[in-house]
Amino acid sequence: MDYSILSDVVLVKLLQAGDTTAFQTIYRKYWQPLLAVARKKLYSQENAEELVQDLFVDLWERRGTIQIDDLKKYLFGAVKYKVLNHIKALLIRQKYEDFKNATLADLDCHTEEVVAYNDLNKALETGIAHLPDKTRQIFRLNRLENQSVRQISASLRIPERTVEYHIMQSLRSLRSHLKDYVGVF
């Protein structure tokens, strides 16, 4: 029997009954037109071929349960939805990649910032440790405990000018010690 002369309605009935020749006839009849539609939408021969192949695999696997009134409409509608699902999957994958790359970039920047901060903090502590005792004490009170010159002068019972001198000396020394950290002070 020549299946190529059979109508789509008959081919669908034979397909539903598990007739492999009817399936092959449907495949040969609609493969190229479906491929052309998929390729036009996806701009990729490989993706279009894979998509149309998946459509026919689904058709064969669901042959016993599928209800098809118009085979041509069914197949072109199916290819349309497969194309849309493929594009949606690509967009989701792209969003995930963008998110992952942005997150990794943020983590890299954050890690670099933490390392730079820790290096600066160690260098600052080393610089403060090298200050003379009185200068170190006044610097800590002024810069780390946020006390004013007047408050330090009153608590240490020394003139305000002396407090200012020690602050100026500590800053000069720390600038020299931290010269590798341009723009810090």
C-alpha atoms as a PDB file:
ATOM      1  CA  MET A   1       0.000   0.000   0.000  1.00  0.00           C
ATOM      2  CA  ASP A   2       1.292   3.448  -0.948  1.00  0.00           C
ATOM      3  CA  TYR A   3       1.014   5.552   2.226  1.00  0.00           C
ATOM      4  CA  SER A   4       1.969   8.790   0.454  1.00  0.00           C
ATOM      5  CA  ILE A   5      -1.473   8.993  -1.156  1.00  0.00           C
ATOM      6  CA  LEU A   6      -3.299   8.669   2.162  1.00  0.00           C
ATOM      7  CA  SER A   7      -4.914  11.720   3.760  1.00  0.00           C
ATOM      8  CA  ASP A   8      -3.631  13.189   7.013  1.00  0.00           C
ATOM      9  CA  VAL A   9      -6.759  11.925   8.798  1.00  0.00           C
ATOM     10  CA  VAL A  10      -6.017   8.330   7.776  1.00  0.00           C
ATOM     11  CA  LEU A  11      -2.317   8.715   8.581  1.00  0.00           C
ATOM     12  CA  VAL A  12      -3.204   9.947  12.089  1.00  0.00           C
ATOM     13  CA  LYS A  13      -5.517   6.956  12.651  1.00  0.00           C
ATOM     14  CA  LEU A  14      -2.788   4.561  11.507  1.00  0.00           C
ATOM     15  CA  LEU A  15      -0.221   6.412  13.669  1.00  0.00           C
ATOM     16  CA  GLN A  16      -2.473   6.087  16.717  1.00  0.00           C
ATOM     17  CA  ALA A  17      -2.661   2.353  16.016  1.00  0.00           C
ATOM     18  CA  GLY A  18       1.160   2.194  16.083  1.00  0.00           C
ATOM     19  CA  ASP A  19       1.795   1.908  12.340  1.00  0.00           C
ATOM     20  CA  THR A  20       5.476   2.807  11.795  1.00  0.00           C
ATOM     21  CA  THR A  21       5.044   3.287   8.047  1.00  0.00           C
ATOM     22  CA  ALA A  22       2.350   5.916   8.699  1.00  0.00           C
ATOM     23  CA  PHE A  23       4.743   7.667  11.090  1.00  0.00           C
ATOM     24  CA  GLN A  24       7.535   7.576   8.484  1.00  0.00           C
ATOM     25  CA  THR A  25       5.171   9.022   5.891  1.00  0.00           C
ATOM     26  CA  ILE A  26       4.179  11.883   8.214  1.00  0.00           C
ATOM     27  CA  TYR A  27       7.860  12.442   8.987  1.00  0.00           C
ATOM     28  CA  ARG A  28       8.876  12.630   5.302  1.00  0.00           C
ATOM     29  CA  LYS A  29       5.905  14.866   4.448  1.00  0.00           C
ATOM     30  CA  TYR A  30       6.374  17.453   7.237  1.00  0.00           C
ATOM     31  CA  TRP A  31      10.085  17.305   8.143  1.00  0.00           C
ATOM     32  CA  GLN A  32      11.283  19.988   5.681  1.00  0.00           C
ATOM     33  CA  PRO A  33       8.437  22.508   6.202  1.00  0.00           C
ATOM     34  CA  LEU A  34       8.731  22.224   9.991  1.00  0.00           C
ATOM     35  CA  LEU A  35      12.515  22.534   9.800  1.00  0.00           C
ATOM     36  CA  ALA A  36      12.180  25.680   7.663  1.00  0.00           C
ATOM     37  CA  VAL A  37       9.875  27.292  10.251  1.00  0.00           C
ATOM     38  CA  ALA A  38      12.147  26.358  13.169  1.00  0.00           C
ATOM     39  CA  ARG A  39      15.316  27.506  11.362  1.00  0.00           C
ATOM     40  CA  LYS A  40      13.676  30.835  10.478  1.00  0.00           C
ATOM     41  CA  LYS A  41      12.868  31.495  14.146  1.00  0.00           C
ATOM     42  CA  LEU A  42      16.029  30.098  15.740  1.00  0.00           C
ATOM     43  CA  TYR A  43      18.642  31.174  13.137  1.00  0.00           C
ATOM     44  CA  SER A  44      20.423  27.869  13.746  1.00  0.00           C
ATOM     45  CA  GLN A  45      20.288  24.774  11.580  1.00  0.00           C
ATOM     46  CA  GLU A  46      21.458  22.493  14.399  1.00  0.00           C
ATOM     47  CA  ASN A  47      18.960  23.801  16.958  1.00  0.00           C
ATOM     48  CA  ALA A  48      16.147  23.676  14.394  1.00  0.00           C
ATOM     49  CA  GLU A  49      16.953  20.073  13.447  1.00  0.00           C
ATOM     50  CA  GLU A  50      17.114  19.024  17.089  1.00  0.00           C
ATOM     51  CA  LEU A  51      13.840  20.746  17.868  1.00  0.00           C
ATOM     52  CA  VAL A  52      11.971  19.168  14.937  1.00  0.00           C
ATOM     53  CA  GLN A  53      13.478  15.793  15.781  1.00  0.00           C
ATOM     54  CA  ASP A  54      12.210  16.160  19.369  1.00  0.00           C
ATOM     55  CA  LEU A  55       8.771  17.054  18.014  1.00  0.00           C
ATOM     56  CA  PHE A  56       8.613  13.808  16.032  1.00  0.00           C
ATOM     57  CA  VAL A  57       9.932  11.778  18.973  1.00  0.00           C
ATOM     58  CA  ASP A  58       7.151  13.274  21.126  1.00  0.00           C
ATOM     59  CA  LEU A  59       4.611  12.517  18.404  1.00  0.00           C
ATOM     60  CA  TRP A  60       5.662   8.868  18.284  1.00  0.00           C
ATOM     61  CA  GLU A  61       5.817   8.458  22.065  1.00  0.00           C
ATOM     62  CA  ARG A  62       2.379  10.019  22.578  1.00  0.00           C
ATOM     63  CA  ARG A  63       0.740   8.395  19.528  1.00  0.00           C
ATOM     64  CA  GLY A  64      -1.636   6.310  21.637  1.00  0.00           C
ATOM     65  CA  THR A  65      -3.009   9.168  23.728  1.00  0.00           C
ATOM     66  CA  ILE A  66      -2.806  12.119  21.372  1.00  0.00           C
ATOM     67  CA  GLN A  67      -5.958  13.627  19.840  1.00  0.00           C
ATOM     68  CA  ILE A  68      -5.248  15.260  16.468  1.00  0.00           C
ATOM     69  CA  ASP A  69      -8.040  16.763  14.372  1.00  0.00           C
ATOM     70  CA  ASP A  70      -5.835  18.573  11.851  1.00  0.00           C
ATOM     71  CA  LEU A  71      -2.319  17.087  11.540  1.00  0.00           C
ATOM     72  CA  LYS A  72      -0.799  20.075   9.741  1.00  0.00           C
ATOM     73  CA  LYS A  73      -2.154  22.568  12.322  1.00  0.00           C
ATOM     74  CA  TYR A  74      -1.063  20.307  15.155  1.00  0.00           C
ATOM     75  CA  LEU A  75       2.522  19.928  13.881  1.00  0.00           C
ATOM     76  CA  PHE A  76       3.025  23.623  13.063  1.00  0.00           C
ATOM     77  CA  GLY A  77       1.496  24.610  16.395  1.00  0.00           C
ATOM     78  CA  ALA A  78       3.778  22.140  18.158  1.00  0.00           C
ATOM     79  CA  VAL A  79       6.870  23.484  16.414  1.00  0.00           C
ATOM     80  CA  LYS A  80       5.819  27.020  17.368  1.00  0.00           C
ATOM     81  CA  TYR A  81       5.585  26.065  21.046  1.00  0.00           C
ATOM     82  CA  LYS A  82       8.837  24.125  20.923  1.00  0.00           C
ATOM     83  CA  VAL A  83      10.572  27.197  19.457  1.00  0.00           C
ATOM     84  CA  LEU A  84       9.081  29.430  22.163  1.00  0.00           C
ATOM     85  CA  ASN A  85      10.134  27.009  24.904  1.00  0.00           C
ATOM     86  CA  HIS A  86      13.630  26.803  23.421  1.00  0.00           C
ATOM     87  CA  ILE A  87      13.961  30.601  23.337  1.00  0.00           C
ATOM     88  CA  LYS A  88      12.592  30.849  26.882  1.00  0.00           C
ATOM     89  CA  ALA A  89      15.155  28.288  28.066  1.00  0.00           C
ATOM     90  CA  LEU A  90      17.936  30.260  26.357  1.00  0.00           C
ATOM     91  CA  LEU A  91      16.796  33.472  28.041  1.00  0.00           C
ATOM     92  CA  ILE A  92      16.670  31.796  31.448  1.00  0.00           C
ATOM     93  CA  ARG A  93      20.133  30.338  30.881  1.00  0.00           C
ATOM     94  CA  GLN A  94      21.433  33.766  29.823  1.00  0.00           C
ATOM     95  CA  LYS A  95      19.899  35.474  32.861  1.00  0.00           C
ATOM     96  CA  TYR A  96      21.472  32.850  35.094  1.00  0.00           C
ATOM     97  CA  GLU A  97      24.874  33.341  33.437  1.00  0.00           C
ATOM     98  CA  ASP A  98      24.581  37.126  33.775  1.00  0.00           C
ATOM     99  CA  PHE A  99      23.577  36.783  37.428  1.00  0.00           C
ATOM    100  CA  LYS A 100      26.378  34.303  38.118  1.00  0.00           C
ATOM    101  CA  ASN A 101      28.968  36.507  36.417  1.00  0.00           C
ATOM    102  CA  ALA A 102      27.769  39.618  38.252  1.00  0.00           C
ATOM    103  CA  THR A 103      27.787  37.769  41.566  1.00  0.00           C
ATOM    104  CA  LEU A 104      31.282  36.417  40.976  1.00  0.00           C
ATOM    105  CA  ALA A 105      32.498  39.870  39.961  1.00  0.00           C
ATOM    106  CA  ASP A 106      30.971  41.345  43.129  1.00  0.00           C
ATOM    107  CA  LEU A 107      32.580  38.623  45.223  1.00  0.00           C
ATOM    108  CA  ASP A 108      35.937  39.203  43.542  1.00  0.00           C
ATOM    109  CA  CYS A 109      35.691  42.954  44.151  1.00  0.00           C
ATOM    110  CA  HIS A 110      34.531  42.397  47.703  1.00  0.00           C
ATOM    111  CA  THR A 111      37.387  39.978  48.371  1.00  0.00           C
ATOM    112  CA  GLU A 112      39.893  42.441  46.934  1.00  0.00           C
ATOM    113  CA  GLU A 113      38.426  45.210  49.079  1.00  0.00           C
ATOM    114  CA  VAL A 114      38.621  43.064  52.216  1.00  0.00           C
ATOM    115  CA  VAL A 115      42.246  42.121  51.498  1.00  0.00           C
ATOM    116  CA  ALA A 116      43.148  45.758  50.784  1.00  0.00           C
ATOM    117  CA  TYR A 117      41.387  46.890  53.970  1.00  0.00           C
ATOM    118  CA  ASN A 118      43.184  44.255  56.056  1.00  0.00           C
ATOM    119  CA  ASP A 119      46.552  45.218  54.545  1.00  0.00           C
ATOM    120  CA  LEU A 120      45.911  48.891  55.222  1.00  0.00           C
ATOM    121  CA  ASN A 121      44.740  48.167  58.761  1.00  0.00           C
ATOM    122  CA  LYS A 122      47.888  46.124  59.509  1.00  0.00           C
ATOM    123  CA  ALA A 123      50.104  48.848  58.058  1.00  0.00           C
ATOM    124  CA  LEU A 124      48.270  51.489  60.104  1.00  0.00           C
ATOM    125  CA  GLU A 125      48.654  49.475  63.319  1.00  0.00           C
ATOM    126  CA  THR A 126      52.355  48.982  62.594  1.00  0.00           C
ATOM    127  CA  GLY A 127      52.746  52.708  61.916  1.00  0.00           C
ATOM    128  CA  ILE A 128      50.955  53.605  65.158  1.00  0.00           C
ATOM    129  CA  ALA A 129      53.137  51.127  67.073  1.00  0.00           C
ATOM    130  CA  HIS A 130      56.257  52.964  65.846  1.00  0.00           C
ATOM    131  CA  LEU A 131      55.084  56.305  67.234  1.00  0.00           C
ATOM    132  CA  PRO A 132      56.568  57.584  70.499  1.00  0.00           C
ATOM    133  CA  ASP A 133      54.412  56.701  73.537  1.00  0.00           C
ATOM    134  CA  LYS A 134      52.952  60.173  74.165  1.00  0.00           C
ATOM    135  CA  THR A 135      52.301  60.793  70.437  1.00  0.00           C
ATOM    136  CA  ARG A 136      50.672  57.345  70.089  1.00  0.00           C
ATOM    137  CA  GLN A 137      48.451  58.005  73.125  1.00  0.00           C
ATOM    138  CA  ILE A 138      47.307  61.388  71.792  1.00  0.00           C
ATOM    139  CA  PHE A 139      46.757  60.018  68.268  1.00  0.00           C
ATOM    140  CA  ARG A 140      44.593  57.175  69.592  1.00  0.00           C
ATOM    141  CA  LEU A 141      42.536  59.545  71.741  1.00  0.00           C
ATOM    142  CA  ASN A 142      42.024  61.973  68.857  1.00  0.00           C
ATOM    143  CA  ARG A 143      41.615  59.728  65.798  1.00  0.00           C
ATOM    144  CA  LEU A 144      40.395  56.433  67.203  1.00  0.00           C
ATOM    145  CA  GLU A 145      38.306  57.609  70.165  1.00  0.00           C
ATOM    146  CA  ASN A 146      37.198  60.868  68.503  1.00  0.00           C
ATOM    147  CA  GLN A 147      38.204  63.151  71.367  1.00  0.00           C
ATOM    148  CA  SER A 148      38.773  66.821  70.604  1.00  0.00           C
ATOM    149  CA  VAL A 149      42.057  68.643  71.221  1.00  0.00           C
ATOM    150  CA  ARG A 150      40.443  70.440  74.158  1.00  0.00           C
ATOM    151  CA  GLN A 151      39.246  67.151  75.740  1.00  0.00           C
ATOM    152  CA  ILE A 152      42.681  65.539  75.359  1.00  0.00           C
ATOM    153  CA  SER A 153      44.372  68.634  76.774  1.00  0.00           C
ATOM    154  CA  ALA A 154      42.102  68.578  79.822  1.00  0.00           C
ATOM    155  CA  SER A 155      42.393  64.831  80.463  1.00  0.00           C
ATOM    156  CA  LEU A 156      46.211  64.717  80.093  1.00  0.00           C
ATOM    157  CA  ARG A 157      46.728  68.161  81.682  1.00  0.00           C
ATOM    158  CA  ILE A 158      48.903  69.444  78.863  1.00  0.00           C
ATOM    159  CA  PRO A 159      48.519  72.559  76.681  1.00  0.00           C
ATOM    160  CA  GLU A 160      46.337  72.368  73.597  1.00  0.00           C
ATOM    161  CA  ARG A 161      49.301  73.393  71.424  1.00  0.00           C
ATOM    162  CA  THR A 162      51.205  70.347  72.676  1.00  0.00           C
ATOM    163  CA  VAL A 163      48.263  68.082  71.759  1.00  0.00           C
ATOM    164  CA  GLU A 164      48.127  69.659  68.295  1.00  0.00           C
ATOM    165  CA  TYR A 165      51.895  69.178  67.896  1.00  0.00           C
ATOM    166  CA  HIS A 166      51.641  65.450  68.739  1.00  0.00           C
ATOM    167  CA  ILE A 167      48.696  64.977  66.362  1.00  0.00           C
ATOM    168  CA  MET A 168      50.635  66.734  63.590  1.00  0.00           C
ATOM    169  CA  GLN A 169      53.729  64.606  64.293  1.00  0.00           C
ATOM    170  CA  SER A 170      51.709  61.374  64.288  1.00  0.00           C
ATOM    171  CA  LEU A 171      50.034  62.250  60.974  1.00  0.00           C
ATOM    172  CA  ARG A 172      53.381  63.168  59.391  1.00  0.00           C
ATOM    173  CA  SER A 173      54.914  59.890  60.574  1.00  0.00           C
ATOM    174  CA  LEU A 174      51.935  57.813  59.433  1.00  0.00           C
ATOM    175  CA  ARG A 175      51.906  59.500  56.007  1.00  0.00           C
ATOM    176  CA  SER A 176      55.503  58.469  55.586  1.00  0.00           C
ATOM    177  CA  HIS A 177      54.829  54.948  56.869  1.00  0.00           C
ATOM    178  CA  LEU A 178      51.760  54.531  54.650  1.00  0.00           C
ATOM    179  CA  LYS A 179      53.191  56.054  51.453  1.00  0.00           C
ATOM    180  CA  ASP A 180      52.339  52.832  49.555  1.00  0.00           C
ATOM    181  CA  TYR A 181      48.666  53.551  50.265  1.00  0.00           C
ATOM    182  CA  VAL A 182      48.336  56.721  48.163  1.00  0.00           C
ATOM    183  CA  GLY A 183      45.389  58.934  49.010  1.00  0.00           C
ATOM    184  CA  VAL A 184      44.688  57.422  52.422  1.00  0.00           C
ATOM    185  CA  PHE A 185      45.641  60.483  54.445  1.00  0.00           C
END
